[in-house]
Structure formats: structure tokens, C-alpha cells
Amino acid sequence: MPNARARLAGSCAKSCCALSCALSCRTPDAWRVFCYHNHANAGHPPRAGHAPQNPTTQRNESPMNYHKASFKAAYGTSTQLPASTRPEVSFAGRSNVGKSSLLNKLMYRKGLAKVSSTPGKTATINFYDVDGADFVDLPGYGYAKVSKSEKGRWSELIEGYFAQERAFALVVSLVDIRHEATPLDLQMISFLQESGLPFAVVLTKADKLSKQQAMRQTAATRKQLQLPQGTPLVATSAEKGTGMDELRKLIDAAVADR
């Protein structure tokens, strides 16, 4: 969409400009997708992710079988991404938020999604086949200890993914429950709201807090994020399994709607 990209320089949404300022000293150009996607969608019809579902491709509304999970493919550039033909559940969050651990717990596996003690290790977009739907593991954002060229590659990956016409069933935005949402978390969730993508906010590492602390932090996070009424917010623990059944039900419903 070269024309949309050309117009971007003159007219970005205010929230996108705020994102650019927030990232200017950390990851230059790392999230151009927020500005581009917001601007390109302004005044346009719903994207493929919101188009009426073709009855011939609708899934059975019975719960997904999360045991039927396997690694599908990894892509290092957005141009390698295949066409979107199945419902996609995307997982996004800061580096070290616990994304791989959560995915493994969801899929009843210990090592399907590789867990690393080094933040920023997910440098590709990884696809998993889960009972006929695609789970999409996006690179973690906000990790400073990588080269500028690597940050640029991550930027291209994430921008390229969200800019494409894909069957977005749900975007799962992950936030560490132990801390306030960071500026990058806030910008991600703002992007999801303004672009009209279906999303849920999932708090990770709830086992690190007491039950009362987790409840207070969940309420505080909802207030901080200013989520619209009805937006799902789930506290989870990959260690203890807290919230996983609730998250699976959200995913089941989102995939069935596709």
C-alpha cells in the first residue's frame, strides 16, 4: 500500500505519535506498524479479520482440543509469511513477560515453545497448529540489549504481520502482573483498540503474588489501561495453571466466531 505509506508522514493519529515519542530513545522505528496501521485503516471498510465469515469455513463451536498442538513454521521476515487461511490467535508482549511458558501451558506441552532465560530470544514469528487454528508467537518488544539492525528486523516482522490482511481471531496482549503496564504495553493496547482488532489482556506470573495481591493488581491494571467495558482481562500463571481454563474459553469463542 505505497500510497497509504506516503500519506503517513503527514497524518498519523495522536496515539501513534505518542508511541513514536515513547520509543524514540529505545527502539527507533521498532513500531512503525502502530502509525501505519492506524492511518491506513481510517475511513476504510473492515479488514479481512472482521469480514463476515464464509459459512463453508466456519469451525464447529465445540471446544478446541489443545492437546492437538504442533510446531508449524518460523518466519524471519514478513515477506515469508504465508497467506492467512485459518483463524489466528496472536500473542504479543514485552520480552521476558512469560509468553513461551504461557503458550506451553495452554497447549499442555513442556517445551513446544522454547523458553529461554535470555530476554529477546524469540527473533522469528512462530506458528503453531492447534486443532486447526494457528497460534502466532510474535517477537517480544522492549528488549534493549540487541543490535540496531536486529531491532529493525523485529520491527519489520511485527509491522509486516499486522499490516497484512489476516484472519485475526484474537490478539492476546500479555502484561506482567507484578508491575504497572509499561508505556510500550499501553501503546500496544491503544493500537489494538484503535485498529478494531479483537483482543484480550492477559496478566502473567500471578503465582508470584498472593491471591489478594493478584486481585488488587488486576483491578489496578484494568483502571490503568482504561479498558472498555467487556474487554477480557485474565490473570494467569503458567506455573500453577491459574486462569488457563478461562483463557482457553476466550480463545474457543474467538476462533468459533471466525
C-alpha atoms as a PDB file:
ATOM      1  CA  MET A   1       0.000   0.000   0.000  1.00  0.00           C
ATOM      2  CA  PRO A   2       2.539   2.615  -1.122  1.00  0.00           C
ATOM      3  CA  ASN A   3       0.041   5.491  -1.193  1.00  0.00           C
ATOM      4  CA  ALA A   4      -1.014   4.876   2.394  1.00  0.00           C
ATOM      5  CA  ARG A   5       2.637   4.765   3.441  1.00  0.00           C
ATOM      6  CA  ALA A   6       3.337   8.023   1.603  1.00  0.00           C
ATOM      7  CA  ARG A   7       0.467   9.772   3.382  1.00  0.00           C
ATOM      8  CA  LEU A   8       1.677   8.523   6.731  1.00  0.00           C
ATOM      9  CA  ALA A   9       4.289  11.254   7.123  1.00  0.00           C
ATOM     10  CA  GLY A  10       1.625  13.944   7.078  1.00  0.00           C
ATOM     11  CA  SER A  11      -1.161  12.471   9.151  1.00  0.00           C
ATOM     12  CA  CYS A  12      -0.677   9.989  11.979  1.00  0.00           C
ATOM     13  CA  ALA A  13      -3.193   9.538  14.753  1.00  0.00           C
ATOM     14  CA  LYS A  14      -2.277  11.260  18.030  1.00  0.00           C
ATOM     15  CA  SER A  15      -1.811   7.987  19.854  1.00  0.00           C
ATOM     16  CA  CYS A  16       0.631   6.823  17.203  1.00  0.00           C
ATOM     17  CA  CYS A  17       2.679   9.977  17.548  1.00  0.00           C
ATOM     18  CA  ALA A  18       2.788   9.393  21.307  1.00  0.00           C
ATOM     19  CA  LEU A  19       4.102   5.909  20.648  1.00  0.00           C
ATOM     20  CA  SER A  20       6.854   7.274  18.447  1.00  0.00           C
ATOM     21  CA  CYS A  21       7.940   9.615  21.237  1.00  0.00           C
ATOM     22  CA  ALA A  22       7.861   6.817  23.800  1.00  0.00           C
ATOM     23  CA  LEU A  23      10.116   4.630  21.687  1.00  0.00           C
ATOM     24  CA  SER A  24      12.459   7.220  20.255  1.00  0.00           C
ATOM     25  CA  CYS A  25      15.195   6.633  22.826  1.00  0.00           C
ATOM     26  CA  ARG A  26      14.854   2.826  22.913  1.00  0.00           C
ATOM     27  CA  THR A  27      13.900   1.187  19.664  1.00  0.00           C
ATOM     28  CA  PRO A  28      13.965   3.611  16.709  1.00  0.00           C
ATOM     29  CA  ASP A  29      11.392   2.665  14.078  1.00  0.00           C
ATOM     30  CA  ALA A  30      10.629  -0.507  16.003  1.00  0.00           C
ATOM     31  CA  TRP A  31       6.876   0.015  15.955  1.00  0.00           C
ATOM     32  CA  ARG A  32       6.046   1.913  12.769  1.00  0.00           C
ATOM     33  CA  VAL A  33       3.159  -0.521  12.413  1.00  0.00           C
ATOM     34  CA  PHE A  34       1.139   1.382  15.016  1.00  0.00           C
ATOM     35  CA  CYS A  35       1.183   4.602  12.994  1.00  0.00           C
ATOM     36  CA  TYR A  36       0.873   2.930   9.606  1.00  0.00           C
ATOM     37  CA  HIS A  37      -1.918   0.578  10.579  1.00  0.00           C
ATOM     38  CA  ASN A  38      -3.966   3.237  12.372  1.00  0.00           C
ATOM     39  CA  HIS A  39      -3.680   5.648   9.470  1.00  0.00           C
ATOM     40  CA  ALA A  40      -4.263   3.093   6.733  1.00  0.00           C
ATOM     41  CA  ASN A  41      -7.494   1.913   8.349  1.00  0.00           C
ATOM     42  CA  ALA A  42      -9.002   5.342   8.924  1.00  0.00           C
ATOM     43  CA  GLY A  43     -12.243   5.626   6.989  1.00  0.00           C
ATOM     44  CA  HIS A  44     -11.817   2.241   5.321  1.00  0.00           C
ATOM     45  CA  PRO A  45     -14.105  -0.799   5.452  1.00  0.00           C
ATOM     46  CA  PRO A  46     -13.380  -3.552   7.980  1.00  0.00           C
ATOM     47  CA  ARG A  47     -10.313  -5.634   7.208  1.00  0.00           C
ATOM     48  CA  ALA A  48     -10.291  -9.322   6.473  1.00  0.00           C
ATOM     49  CA  GLY A  49     -10.046 -10.011  10.168  1.00  0.00           C
ATOM     50  CA  HIS A  50     -13.527  -8.544  10.609  1.00  0.00           C
ATOM     51  CA  ALA A  51     -15.183  -9.641   7.382  1.00  0.00           C
ATOM     52  CA  PRO A  52     -18.317 -11.806   7.590  1.00  0.00           C
ATOM     53  CA  GLN A  53     -17.308 -15.425   7.923  1.00  0.00           C
ATOM     54  CA  ASN A  54     -17.862 -17.665   4.933  1.00  0.00           C
ATOM     55  CA  PRO A  55     -20.270 -20.372   6.197  1.00  0.00           C
ATOM     56  CA  THR A  56     -18.263 -23.062   4.420  1.00  0.00           C
ATOM     57  CA  THR A  57     -15.182 -22.312   6.530  1.00  0.00           C
ATOM     58  CA  GLN A  58     -16.772 -21.872   9.952  1.00  0.00           C
ATOM     59  CA  ARG A  59     -15.471 -24.111  12.718  1.00  0.00           C
ATOM     60  CA  ASN A  60     -17.559 -26.311  14.912  1.00  0.00           C
ATOM     61  CA  GLU A  61     -18.282 -24.386  18.129  1.00  0.00           C
ATOM     62  CA  SER A  62     -17.205 -27.275  20.354  1.00  0.00           C
ATOM     63  CA  PRO A  63     -14.122 -26.551  22.493  1.00  0.00           C
ATOM     64  CA  MET A  64     -10.763 -26.818  20.788  1.00  0.00           C
ATOM     65  CA  ASN A  65      -8.538 -29.762  21.596  1.00  0.00           C
ATOM     66  CA  TYR A  66      -5.399 -28.043  22.899  1.00  0.00           C
ATOM     67  CA  HIS A  67      -3.611 -31.391  23.117  1.00  0.00           C
ATOM     68  CA  LYS A  68      -3.603 -31.421  19.303  1.00  0.00           C
ATOM     69  CA  ALA A  69      -0.772 -28.914  19.068  1.00  0.00           C
ATOM     70  CA  SER A  70       2.374 -28.961  16.969  1.00  0.00           C
ATOM     71  CA  PHE A  71       5.022 -26.561  15.732  1.00  0.00           C
ATOM     72  CA  LYS A  72       4.209 -25.432  12.211  1.00  0.00           C
ATOM     73  CA  ALA A  73       6.842 -22.979  10.961  1.00  0.00           C
ATOM     74  CA  ALA A  74       9.037 -19.986  11.828  1.00  0.00           C
ATOM     75  CA  TYR A  75       9.487 -16.911   9.663  1.00  0.00           C
ATOM     76  CA  GLY A  76      12.308 -14.384   9.825  1.00  0.00           C
ATOM     77  CA  THR A  77      10.796 -11.728   7.534  1.00  0.00           C
ATOM     78  CA  SER A  78       7.218 -10.668   6.870  1.00  0.00           C
ATOM     79  CA  THR A  79       7.573 -11.476   3.165  1.00  0.00           C
ATOM     80  CA  GLN A  80       7.960 -15.136   4.123  1.00  0.00           C
ATOM     81  CA  LEU A  81       4.583 -15.237   5.873  1.00  0.00           C
ATOM     82  CA  PRO A  82       2.084 -17.481   4.107  1.00  0.00           C
ATOM     83  CA  ALA A  83      -1.406 -16.323   3.223  1.00  0.00           C
ATOM     84  CA  SER A  84      -3.797 -16.416   6.157  1.00  0.00           C
ATOM     85  CA  THR A  85      -6.316 -19.213   5.622  1.00  0.00           C
ATOM     86  CA  ARG A  86      -7.255 -20.200   9.195  1.00  0.00           C
ATOM     87  CA  PRO A  87      -8.210 -18.343  12.378  1.00  0.00           C
ATOM     88  CA  GLU A  88      -5.134 -16.818  14.001  1.00  0.00           C
ATOM     89  CA  VAL A  89      -4.647 -16.240  17.726  1.00  0.00           C
ATOM     90  CA  SER A  90      -1.669 -13.916  18.153  1.00  0.00           C
ATOM     91  CA  PHE A  91       0.405 -13.468  21.311  1.00  0.00           C
ATOM     92  CA  ALA A  92       2.241 -10.194  21.910  1.00  0.00           C
ATOM     93  CA  GLY A  93       4.109  -8.764  24.879  1.00  0.00           C
ATOM     94  CA  ARG A  94       7.349  -7.460  26.250  1.00  0.00           C
ATOM     95  CA  SER A  95      10.433  -9.616  26.284  1.00  0.00           C
ATOM     96  CA  ASN A  96      10.546 -11.784  29.418  1.00  0.00           C
ATOM     97  CA  VAL A  97       6.796 -11.464  30.053  1.00  0.00           C
ATOM     98  CA  GLY A  98       6.471 -15.249  30.059  1.00  0.00           C
ATOM     99  CA  LYS A  99       4.946 -15.717  26.613  1.00  0.00           C
ATOM    100  CA  SER A 100       6.599 -19.056  25.802  1.00  0.00           C
ATOM    101  CA  SER A 101       5.728 -20.513  29.205  1.00  0.00           C
ATOM    102  CA  LEU A 102       2.098 -19.450  28.797  1.00  0.00           C
ATOM    103  CA  LEU A 103       1.900 -20.984  25.320  1.00  0.00           C
ATOM    104  CA  ASN A 104       3.297 -24.275  26.590  1.00  0.00           C
ATOM    105  CA  LYS A 105       0.760 -24.365  29.407  1.00  0.00           C
ATOM    106  CA  LEU A 106      -2.106 -23.584  27.028  1.00  0.00           C
ATOM    107  CA  MET A 107      -1.032 -26.398  24.704  1.00  0.00           C
ATOM    108  CA  TYR A 108      -0.327 -28.889  27.518  1.00  0.00           C
ATOM    109  CA  ARG A 109       3.317 -29.097  26.479  1.00  0.00           C
ATOM    110  CA  LYS A 110       6.554 -28.523  28.353  1.00  0.00           C
ATOM    111  CA  GLY A 111       8.856 -27.488  25.548  1.00  0.00           C
ATOM    112  CA  LEU A 112       6.913 -26.868  22.342  1.00  0.00           C
ATOM    113  CA  ALA A 113       7.519 -23.124  22.606  1.00  0.00           C
ATOM    114  CA  LYS A 114      11.154 -22.680  23.553  1.00  0.00           C
ATOM    115  CA  VAL A 115      11.651 -20.959  26.910  1.00  0.00           C
ATOM    116  CA  SER A 116      14.873 -19.006  27.370  1.00  0.00           C
ATOM    117  CA  SER A 117      16.419 -17.268  30.357  1.00  0.00           C
ATOM    118  CA  THR A 118      17.669 -14.609  27.923  1.00  0.00           C
ATOM    119  CA  PRO A 119      15.051 -11.941  27.071  1.00  0.00           C
ATOM    120  CA  GLY A 120      14.545 -11.163  23.405  1.00  0.00           C
ATOM    121  CA  LYS A 121      15.353 -14.700  22.275  1.00  0.00           C
ATOM    122  CA  THR A 122      12.230 -15.048  20.101  1.00  0.00           C
ATOM    123  CA  ALA A 123      13.539 -13.467  16.920  1.00  0.00           C
ATOM    124  CA  THR A 124      11.056 -15.006  14.498  1.00  0.00           C
ATOM    125  CA  ILE A 125       7.296 -15.220  14.136  1.00  0.00           C
ATOM    126  CA  ASN A 126       6.477 -18.760  15.181  1.00  0.00           C
ATOM    127  CA  PHE A 127       3.295 -20.524  14.080  1.00  0.00           C
ATOM    128  CA  TYR A 128       1.740 -23.442  15.946  1.00  0.00           C
ATOM    129  CA  ASP A 129      -1.083 -25.620  14.660  1.00  0.00           C
ATOM    130  CA  VAL A 130      -3.624 -26.041  17.471  1.00  0.00           C
ATOM    131  CA  ASP A 131      -6.582 -28.159  16.383  1.00  0.00           C
ATOM    132  CA  GLY A 132      -6.943 -26.400  13.051  1.00  0.00           C
ATOM    133  CA  ALA A 133      -6.234 -22.856  14.245  1.00  0.00           C
ATOM    134  CA  ASP A 134      -2.911 -21.022  14.112  1.00  0.00           C
ATOM    135  CA  PHE A 135      -1.322 -19.707  17.302  1.00  0.00           C
ATOM    136  CA  VAL A 136       1.138 -16.962  16.357  1.00  0.00           C
ATOM    137  CA  ASP A 137       4.027 -16.163  18.707  1.00  0.00           C
ATOM    138  CA  LEU A 138       5.282 -12.648  17.927  1.00  0.00           C
ATOM    139  CA  PRO A 139       8.767 -11.415  18.924  1.00  0.00           C
ATOM    140  CA  GLY A 140       8.883  -9.754  22.337  1.00  0.00           C
ATOM    141  CA  TYR A 141       9.252  -5.990  22.324  1.00  0.00           C
ATOM    142  CA  GLY A 142      11.158  -3.595  24.552  1.00  0.00           C
ATOM    143  CA  TYR A 143      14.427  -5.520  24.944  1.00  0.00           C
ATOM    144  CA  ALA A 144      17.302  -3.050  24.615  1.00  0.00           C
ATOM    145  CA  LYS A 145      20.312  -5.393  24.535  1.00  0.00           C
ATOM    146  CA  VAL A 146      20.203  -6.280  20.864  1.00  0.00           C
ATOM    147  CA  SER A 147      21.764  -4.537  17.884  1.00  0.00           C
ATOM    148  CA  LYS A 148      20.035  -1.759  15.999  1.00  0.00           C
ATOM    149  CA  SER A 149      19.846  -3.952  12.904  1.00  0.00           C
ATOM    150  CA  GLU A 150      18.167  -6.732  14.886  1.00  0.00           C
ATOM    151  CA  LYS A 151      15.632  -4.267  16.300  1.00  0.00           C
ATOM    152  CA  GLY A 152      14.939  -3.168  12.757  1.00  0.00           C
ATOM    153  CA  ARG A 153      14.314  -6.753  11.707  1.00  0.00           C
ATOM    154  CA  TRP A 154      11.911  -7.275  14.606  1.00  0.00           C
ATOM    155  CA  SER A 155      10.155  -4.055  13.569  1.00  0.00           C
ATOM    156  CA  GLU A 156       9.746  -5.326  10.028  1.00  0.00           C
ATOM    157  CA  LEU A 157       8.406  -8.642  11.293  1.00  0.00           C
ATOM    158  CA  ILE A 158       5.733  -7.171  13.535  1.00  0.00           C
ATOM    159  CA  GLU A 159       4.817  -4.337  11.181  1.00  0.00           C
ATOM    160  CA  GLY A 160       4.565  -6.722   8.275  1.00  0.00           C
ATOM    161  CA  TYR A 161       2.385  -9.145  10.215  1.00  0.00           C
ATOM    162  CA  PHE A 162      -0.196  -6.621  11.422  1.00  0.00           C
ATOM    163  CA  ALA A 163      -0.261  -4.752   8.098  1.00  0.00           C
ATOM    164  CA  GLN A 164      -1.366  -7.842   6.208  1.00  0.00           C
ATOM    165  CA  GLU A 165      -4.927  -8.964   5.594  1.00  0.00           C
ATOM    166  CA  ARG A 166      -5.096 -11.867   8.035  1.00  0.00           C
ATOM    167  CA  ALA A 167      -7.792 -13.844   9.832  1.00  0.00           C
ATOM    168  CA  PHE A 168      -7.254 -12.234  13.225  1.00  0.00           C
ATOM    169  CA  ALA A 169      -9.460 -14.156  15.664  1.00  0.00           C
ATOM    170  CA  LEU A 170      -7.871 -12.744  18.827  1.00  0.00           C
ATOM    171  CA  VAL A 171      -4.750 -10.853  19.859  1.00  0.00           C
ATOM    172  CA  VAL A 172      -3.601 -11.802  23.355  1.00  0.00           C
ATOM    173  CA  SER A 173      -1.708  -8.861  24.845  1.00  0.00           C
ATOM    174  CA  LEU A 174       0.484 -10.031  27.734  1.00  0.00           C
ATOM    175  CA  VAL A 175       1.400  -7.846  30.731  1.00  0.00           C
ATOM    176  CA  ASP A 176       3.450  -8.838  33.795  1.00  0.00           C
ATOM    177  CA  ILE A 177       1.060  -8.671  36.760  1.00  0.00           C
ATOM    178  CA  ARG A 178       3.875  -7.783  39.180  1.00  0.00           C
ATOM    179  CA  HIS A 179       4.350  -4.332  37.672  1.00  0.00           C
ATOM    180  CA  GLU A 180       2.350  -1.492  36.205  1.00  0.00           C
ATOM    181  CA  ALA A 181       1.864  -1.732  32.466  1.00  0.00           C
ATOM    182  CA  THR A 182       4.813  -0.074  30.737  1.00  0.00           C
ATOM    183  CA  PRO A 183       4.495   2.705  28.138  1.00  0.00           C
ATOM    184  CA  LEU A 184       5.076   0.086  25.435  1.00  0.00           C
ATOM    185  CA  ASP A 185       2.288  -2.076  26.849  1.00  0.00           C
ATOM    186  CA  LEU A 186      -0.015   0.936  26.883  1.00  0.00           C
ATOM    187  CA  GLN A 187       0.815   1.768  23.291  1.00  0.00           C
ATOM    188  CA  MET A 188       0.227  -1.796  22.158  1.00  0.00           C
ATOM    189  CA  ILE A 189      -3.206  -1.903  23.797  1.00  0.00           C
ATOM    190  CA  SER A 190      -4.046   1.545  22.432  1.00  0.00           C
ATOM    191  CA  PHE A 191      -3.157   0.284  18.959  1.00  0.00           C
ATOM    192  CA  LEU A 192      -5.374  -2.774  19.366  1.00  0.00           C
ATOM    193  CA  GLN A 193      -8.317  -0.626  20.481  1.00  0.00           C
ATOM    194  CA  GLU A 194      -7.976   1.958  17.742  1.00  0.00           C
ATOM    195  CA  SER A 195      -7.419  -0.571  14.961  1.00  0.00           C
ATOM    196  CA  GLY A 196     -10.523  -2.517  15.946  1.00  0.00           C
ATOM    197  CA  LEU A 197      -8.702  -5.819  16.384  1.00  0.00           C
ATOM    198  CA  PRO A 198     -10.324  -8.327  18.770  1.00  0.00           C
ATOM    199  CA  PHE A 199      -8.097  -8.601  21.828  1.00  0.00           C
ATOM    200  CA  ALA A 200      -7.800  -9.730  25.415  1.00  0.00           C
ATOM    201  CA  VAL A 201      -5.345  -8.580  28.076  1.00  0.00           C
ATOM    202  CA  VAL A 202      -3.677 -11.442  29.922  1.00  0.00           C
ATOM    203  CA  LEU A 203      -1.660 -10.853  33.074  1.00  0.00           C
ATOM    204  CA  THR A 204       1.206 -13.291  33.556  1.00  0.00           C
ATOM    205  CA  LYS A 205       3.122 -14.623  36.579  1.00  0.00           C
ATOM    206  CA  ALA A 206       0.208 -14.412  39.029  1.00  0.00           C
ATOM    207  CA  ASP A 207       1.878 -17.113  41.136  1.00  0.00           C
ATOM    208  CA  LYS A 208       4.486 -14.537  42.155  1.00  0.00           C
ATOM    209  CA  LEU A 209       1.814 -12.667  44.150  1.00  0.00           C
ATOM    210  CA  SER A 210      -0.595 -13.693  46.885  1.00  0.00           C
ATOM    211  CA  LYS A 211      -4.224 -14.162  45.886  1.00  0.00           C
ATOM    212  CA  GLN A 212      -5.180 -10.816  47.432  1.00  0.00           C
ATOM    213  CA  GLN A 213      -2.252  -9.026  45.804  1.00  0.00           C
ATOM    214  CA  ALA A 214      -3.166 -10.522  42.438  1.00  0.00           C
ATOM    215  CA  MET A 215      -6.774  -9.363  42.788  1.00  0.00           C
ATOM    216  CA  ARG A 216      -5.678  -5.830  43.695  1.00  0.00           C
ATOM    217  CA  GLN A 217      -3.163  -5.707  40.866  1.00  0.00           C
ATOM    218  CA  THR A 218      -5.724  -6.973  38.348  1.00  0.00           C
ATOM    219  CA  ALA A 219      -8.141  -4.202  39.352  1.00  0.00           C
ATOM    220  CA  ALA A 220      -5.350  -1.618  39.252  1.00  0.00           C
ATOM    221  CA  THR A 221      -4.269  -2.747  35.788  1.00  0.00           C
ATOM    222  CA  ARG A 222      -7.799  -2.537  34.402  1.00  0.00           C
ATOM    223  CA  LYS A 223      -8.012   1.007  35.732  1.00  0.00           C
ATOM    224  CA  GLN A 224      -4.588   1.943  34.366  1.00  0.00           C
ATOM    225  CA  LEU A 225      -5.338   0.566  30.920  1.00  0.00           C
ATOM    226  CA  GLN A 226      -8.784   2.208  30.846  1.00  0.00           C
ATOM    227  CA  LEU A 227     -10.194  -0.839  29.104  1.00  0.00           C
ATOM    228  CA  PRO A 228     -13.635  -0.548  27.533  1.00  0.00           C
ATOM    229  CA  GLN A 229     -16.382  -2.370  29.376  1.00  0.00           C
ATOM    230  CA  GLY A 230     -16.435  -6.029  28.425  1.00  0.00           C
ATOM    231  CA  THR A 231     -12.765  -6.255  27.425  1.00  0.00           C
ATOM    232  CA  PRO A 232     -11.434  -9.563  28.802  1.00  0.00           C
ATOM    233  CA  LEU A 233      -8.721  -9.277  31.451  1.00  0.00           C
ATOM    234  CA  VAL A 234      -7.397 -12.565  32.813  1.00  0.00           C
ATOM    235  CA  ALA A 235      -4.765 -13.170  35.490  1.00  0.00           C
ATOM    236  CA  THR A 236      -2.756 -16.299  34.718  1.00  0.00           C
ATOM    237  CA  SER A 237       0.101 -18.410  35.972  1.00  0.00           C
ATOM    238  CA  ALA A 238       1.981 -20.767  33.680  1.00  0.00           C
ATOM    239  CA  GLU A 239       3.496 -22.304  36.796  1.00  0.00           C
ATOM    240  CA  LYS A 240       0.238 -23.199  38.573  1.00  0.00           C
ATOM    241  CA  GLY A 241      -2.231 -23.123  35.692  1.00  0.00           C
ATOM    242  CA  THR A 242      -4.239 -20.242  37.147  1.00  0.00           C
ATOM    243  CA  GLY A 243      -6.565 -18.662  34.582  1.00  0.00           C
ATOM    244  CA  MET A 244      -5.716 -21.096  31.796  1.00  0.00           C
ATOM    245  CA  ASP A 245      -9.197 -22.588  31.509  1.00  0.00           C
ATOM    246  CA  GLU A 246     -10.685 -19.088  31.320  1.00  0.00           C
ATOM    247  CA  LEU A 247      -8.204 -18.115  28.617  1.00  0.00           C
ATOM    248  CA  ARG A 248      -8.923 -21.273  26.646  1.00  0.00           C
ATOM    249  CA  LYS A 249     -12.665 -20.457  26.728  1.00  0.00           C
ATOM    250  CA  LEU A 250     -11.948 -16.962  25.379  1.00  0.00           C
ATOM    251  CA  ILE A 251      -9.874 -18.426  22.569  1.00  0.00           C
ATOM    252  CA  ASP A 252     -12.517 -21.079  21.813  1.00  0.00           C
ATOM    253  CA  ALA A 253     -15.185 -18.383  21.426  1.00  0.00           C
ATOM    254  CA  ALA A 254     -12.967 -16.127  19.312  1.00  0.00           C
ATOM    255  CA  VAL A 255     -11.973 -18.936  16.951  1.00  0.00           C
ATOM    256  CA  ALA A 256     -15.573 -20.148  16.656  1.00  0.00           C
ATOM    257  CA  ASP A 257     -16.625 -16.612  15.624  1.00  0.00           C
ATOM    258  CA  ARG A 258     -14.187 -16.718  12.743  1.00  0.00           C
END
